[in-house]
N, C-alpha and C. Protein backbone atom coordinates (compact mmCIF):
# COMPACT_ATOMS: atom_id res chain seq x y z
N MET A 1 55.85 81.83 -9.35
CA MET A 1 56.02 81.62 -10.77
C MET A 1 54.67 81.23 -11.37
N ALA A 2 54.31 81.85 -12.44
CA ALA A 2 53.02 81.62 -13.08
C ALA A 2 53.06 80.37 -13.95
N ALA A 3 51.93 79.70 -13.99
CA ALA A 3 51.81 78.52 -14.85
C ALA A 3 51.55 78.98 -16.28
N ILE A 4 52.10 78.25 -17.21
CA ILE A 4 51.93 78.58 -18.62
C ILE A 4 50.91 77.63 -19.21
N ASP A 5 49.90 78.19 -19.84
CA ASP A 5 48.88 77.39 -20.51
C ASP A 5 49.34 77.19 -21.96
N PHE A 6 50.01 76.05 -22.19
CA PHE A 6 50.57 75.79 -23.51
C PHE A 6 49.49 75.59 -24.58
N HIS A 7 48.35 75.08 -24.18
CA HIS A 7 47.26 74.92 -25.14
C HIS A 7 46.79 76.28 -25.66
N ALA A 8 46.58 77.22 -24.76
CA ALA A 8 46.15 78.57 -25.15
C ALA A 8 47.25 79.27 -25.96
N LEU A 9 48.49 79.08 -25.57
CA LEU A 9 49.61 79.68 -26.29
C LEU A 9 49.69 79.12 -27.72
N GLY A 10 49.53 77.81 -27.85
CA GLY A 10 49.54 77.19 -29.18
C GLY A 10 48.40 77.68 -30.04
N GLN A 11 47.24 77.86 -29.41
CA GLN A 11 46.07 78.35 -30.15
C GLN A 11 46.31 79.78 -30.64
N VAL A 12 46.90 80.61 -29.81
CA VAL A 12 47.20 81.98 -30.22
C VAL A 12 48.17 81.98 -31.40
N ILE A 13 49.16 81.10 -31.37
CA ILE A 13 50.16 81.05 -32.44
C ILE A 13 49.53 80.63 -33.76
N TRP A 14 48.77 79.53 -33.77
CA TRP A 14 48.23 79.08 -35.05
C TRP A 14 47.15 80.01 -35.58
N VAL A 15 46.34 80.59 -34.71
CA VAL A 15 45.30 81.51 -35.17
C VAL A 15 45.93 82.77 -35.76
N SER A 16 46.98 83.27 -35.12
CA SER A 16 47.63 84.47 -35.64
C SER A 16 48.32 84.19 -36.97
N LEU A 17 48.91 83.01 -37.12
CA LEU A 17 49.53 82.65 -38.40
C LEU A 17 48.49 82.56 -39.51
N VAL A 18 47.39 81.88 -39.23
CA VAL A 18 46.33 81.73 -40.24
C VAL A 18 45.75 83.10 -40.59
N ALA A 19 45.50 83.93 -39.60
CA ALA A 19 44.93 85.25 -39.86
C ALA A 19 45.92 86.12 -40.64
N GLY A 20 47.17 86.09 -40.26
CA GLY A 20 48.17 86.90 -40.95
C GLY A 20 48.35 86.50 -42.39
N VAL A 21 48.46 85.21 -42.64
CA VAL A 21 48.62 84.72 -44.01
C VAL A 21 47.33 84.96 -44.80
N GLY A 22 46.19 84.70 -44.18
CA GLY A 22 44.91 84.88 -44.87
C GLY A 22 44.68 86.32 -45.29
N VAL A 23 44.94 87.27 -44.40
CA VAL A 23 44.74 88.68 -44.72
C VAL A 23 45.73 89.12 -45.79
N SER A 24 46.95 88.64 -45.72
CA SER A 24 47.95 88.98 -46.74
C SER A 24 47.55 88.44 -48.12
N VAL A 25 47.05 87.21 -48.15
CA VAL A 25 46.62 86.62 -49.42
C VAL A 25 45.41 87.38 -49.98
N LEU A 26 44.49 87.76 -49.12
CA LEU A 26 43.32 88.51 -49.59
C LEU A 26 43.74 89.84 -50.22
N PHE A 27 44.64 90.57 -49.57
CA PHE A 27 45.05 91.85 -50.14
C PHE A 27 45.86 91.64 -51.41
N SER A 28 46.61 90.55 -51.47
CA SER A 28 47.34 90.23 -52.71
C SER A 28 46.37 89.96 -53.85
N LEU A 29 45.25 89.32 -53.55
CA LEU A 29 44.22 89.09 -54.58
C LEU A 29 43.60 90.40 -55.05
N VAL A 30 43.46 91.36 -54.15
CA VAL A 30 42.94 92.67 -54.53
C VAL A 30 43.88 93.31 -55.55
N ILE A 31 45.17 93.31 -55.23
CA ILE A 31 46.16 93.92 -56.13
C ILE A 31 46.23 93.15 -57.45
N PHE A 32 46.27 91.83 -57.38
CA PHE A 32 46.35 91.00 -58.58
C PHE A 32 45.14 91.23 -59.49
N GLY A 33 43.95 91.19 -58.91
CA GLY A 33 42.73 91.36 -59.70
C GLY A 33 42.65 92.74 -60.33
N ALA A 34 43.02 93.76 -59.58
CA ALA A 34 42.98 95.12 -60.13
C ALA A 34 43.98 95.29 -61.26
N ASP A 35 45.16 94.74 -61.09
CA ASP A 35 46.20 94.84 -62.12
C ASP A 35 45.78 94.10 -63.39
N LYS A 36 45.33 92.87 -63.23
CA LYS A 36 44.92 92.08 -64.39
C LYS A 36 43.69 92.68 -65.07
N ALA A 37 42.79 93.29 -64.30
CA ALA A 37 41.61 93.93 -64.89
C ALA A 37 42.05 95.09 -65.77
N GLY A 38 43.01 95.87 -65.29
CA GLY A 38 43.52 96.98 -66.09
C GLY A 38 44.19 96.50 -67.36
N ASP A 39 45.00 95.45 -67.25
CA ASP A 39 45.66 94.89 -68.43
C ASP A 39 44.63 94.39 -69.45
N ALA A 40 43.63 93.66 -68.96
CA ALA A 40 42.61 93.10 -69.86
C ALA A 40 41.80 94.21 -70.52
N ARG A 41 41.50 95.26 -69.76
CA ARG A 41 40.74 96.38 -70.33
C ARG A 41 41.53 97.07 -71.44
N ARG A 42 42.83 97.25 -71.24
CA ARG A 42 43.67 97.88 -72.27
C ARG A 42 43.76 97.02 -73.53
N GLU A 43 43.69 95.69 -73.35
CA GLU A 43 43.77 94.79 -74.49
C GLU A 43 42.40 94.55 -75.15
N GLY A 44 41.36 95.17 -74.61
CA GLY A 44 40.04 95.05 -75.20
C GLY A 44 39.29 93.79 -74.81
N GLN A 45 39.73 93.11 -73.78
CA GLN A 45 39.07 91.88 -73.32
C GLN A 45 38.15 92.24 -72.15
N GLU A 46 36.97 92.73 -72.49
CA GLU A 46 36.05 93.24 -71.47
C GLU A 46 35.55 92.16 -70.52
N GLY A 47 35.29 90.97 -71.02
CA GLY A 47 34.82 89.89 -70.15
C GLY A 47 35.85 89.50 -69.11
N GLN A 48 37.08 89.40 -69.55
CA GLN A 48 38.16 89.07 -68.62
C GLN A 48 38.37 90.20 -67.62
N ALA A 49 38.27 91.44 -68.10
CA ALA A 49 38.43 92.60 -67.22
C ALA A 49 37.34 92.60 -66.15
N LEU A 50 36.13 92.25 -66.54
CA LEU A 50 35.03 92.20 -65.58
C LEU A 50 35.27 91.11 -64.52
N ALA A 51 35.75 89.95 -64.96
CA ALA A 51 36.00 88.85 -64.03
C ALA A 51 37.11 89.22 -63.04
N TYR A 52 38.18 89.80 -63.54
CA TYR A 52 39.27 90.20 -62.64
C TYR A 52 38.84 91.35 -61.73
N GLY A 53 38.03 92.25 -62.24
CA GLY A 53 37.51 93.32 -61.41
C GLY A 53 36.62 92.79 -60.30
N ALA A 54 35.80 91.79 -60.64
CA ALA A 54 34.94 91.17 -59.62
C ALA A 54 35.77 90.46 -58.56
N LEU A 55 36.85 89.78 -58.99
CA LEU A 55 37.76 89.15 -58.04
C LEU A 55 38.33 90.17 -57.08
N ALA A 56 38.79 91.30 -57.63
CA ALA A 56 39.37 92.35 -56.79
C ALA A 56 38.34 92.91 -55.82
N ALA A 57 37.11 93.12 -56.30
CA ALA A 57 36.07 93.70 -55.46
C ALA A 57 35.68 92.75 -54.33
N VAL A 58 35.49 91.48 -54.66
CA VAL A 58 35.11 90.51 -53.63
C VAL A 58 36.23 90.33 -52.60
N ALA A 59 37.47 90.26 -53.09
CA ALA A 59 38.60 90.12 -52.17
C ALA A 59 38.71 91.34 -51.27
N MET A 60 38.43 92.54 -51.80
CA MET A 60 38.49 93.75 -50.98
C MET A 60 37.42 93.76 -49.91
N VAL A 61 36.22 93.29 -50.26
CA VAL A 61 35.14 93.23 -49.27
C VAL A 61 35.51 92.25 -48.15
N VAL A 62 35.99 91.06 -48.53
CA VAL A 62 36.36 90.06 -47.51
C VAL A 62 37.53 90.56 -46.68
N PHE A 63 38.51 91.21 -47.30
CA PHE A 63 39.64 91.79 -46.58
C PHE A 63 39.15 92.83 -45.58
N SER A 64 38.25 93.70 -46.01
CA SER A 64 37.74 94.75 -45.12
C SER A 64 36.97 94.16 -43.94
N VAL A 65 36.18 93.15 -44.21
CA VAL A 65 35.44 92.48 -43.12
C VAL A 65 36.41 91.85 -42.13
N ALA A 66 37.47 91.21 -42.64
CA ALA A 66 38.46 90.58 -41.76
C ALA A 66 39.15 91.61 -40.89
N VAL A 67 39.48 92.76 -41.45
CA VAL A 67 40.15 93.81 -40.67
C VAL A 67 39.20 94.36 -39.61
N VAL A 68 37.95 94.62 -39.98
CA VAL A 68 36.99 95.14 -39.01
C VAL A 68 36.74 94.13 -37.89
N LEU A 69 36.59 92.86 -38.24
CA LEU A 69 36.41 91.83 -37.21
C LEU A 69 37.62 91.74 -36.29
N GLY A 70 38.82 91.86 -36.86
CA GLY A 70 40.02 91.84 -36.05
C GLY A 70 40.06 93.00 -35.06
N VAL A 71 39.69 94.18 -35.52
CA VAL A 71 39.66 95.34 -34.63
C VAL A 71 38.61 95.15 -33.54
N ILE A 72 37.45 94.64 -33.90
CA ILE A 72 36.39 94.41 -32.91
C ILE A 72 36.87 93.42 -31.85
N VAL A 73 37.52 92.34 -32.27
CA VAL A 73 38.01 91.34 -31.31
C VAL A 73 39.05 91.96 -30.39
N MET A 74 39.95 92.75 -30.94
CA MET A 74 40.98 93.39 -30.10
C MET A 74 40.38 94.37 -29.11
N LEU A 75 39.35 95.09 -29.52
CA LEU A 75 38.74 96.07 -28.61
C LEU A 75 37.92 95.40 -27.50
N ARG A 76 37.37 94.23 -27.76
CA ARG A 76 36.58 93.53 -26.75
C ARG A 76 37.43 92.79 -25.75
N LYS A 77 38.64 92.44 -26.11
CA LYS A 77 39.54 91.77 -25.17
C LYS A 77 40.20 92.83 -24.31
N GLY A 78 40.22 92.61 -23.03
CA GLY A 78 40.91 93.61 -22.24
C GLY A 78 40.39 93.80 -20.91
């Protein structure tokens, strides 16, 4: 019977929860920012549209980096 490393198991659980929630929140910010930017642009509020567009762009970059890092980590383990 194999020994179970509960510390490593706990670490896997909390890291996966943080990563899953974090990536979901980042993509939600992409959608939110893009939607609000479109609304602001239609209403003629260019400054607000720019701010929401920047939020969407930054969130998309961070989301993309997180996905690429996740894939790199998965490919290196094994």
